[in-house]
Amino acid sequence: MSDFVFRLGFRHDAFLSSAWNGSLEIHQNTASGEAVAYIPLIARMICVADSFDAMNTNRVYRNKLSKEHIIEEIETNKGRQFDPQIADVFLRLLREDKLPLEA
């Protein structure tokens, strides 16, 4: 993970508490206490992808969600948890069956 973070040029823990809220992108940097003025594009993309992965895999506490339920969750949280533009691209790919679903 540290090599991955180094290549991206930012620390993932600086954006762990960040969520897209649709109007303001200033968040507390949990690593240093500084204010973060933006959420990098790659972090916004990872947010949607990581959430998809969590919904698309079996967990100890629940089975994976259906494709329809995953779409509903991403739609519901678009503009709140997820960057709306990133979510729209992800949803288009999901609806066009261009993203692998766990069997």
Foldseek 3Di string as FASTA:
>chain_A
DVVVCVVVVHDLQQCPPFFQQQPAAWDARPVPRDIDRHDDPVSLLVQLVVVQVVQQQQDPVGHHDDLVVSLVVLVVCDNHRHPNVSSVVVSVCSVVVVDDGDD
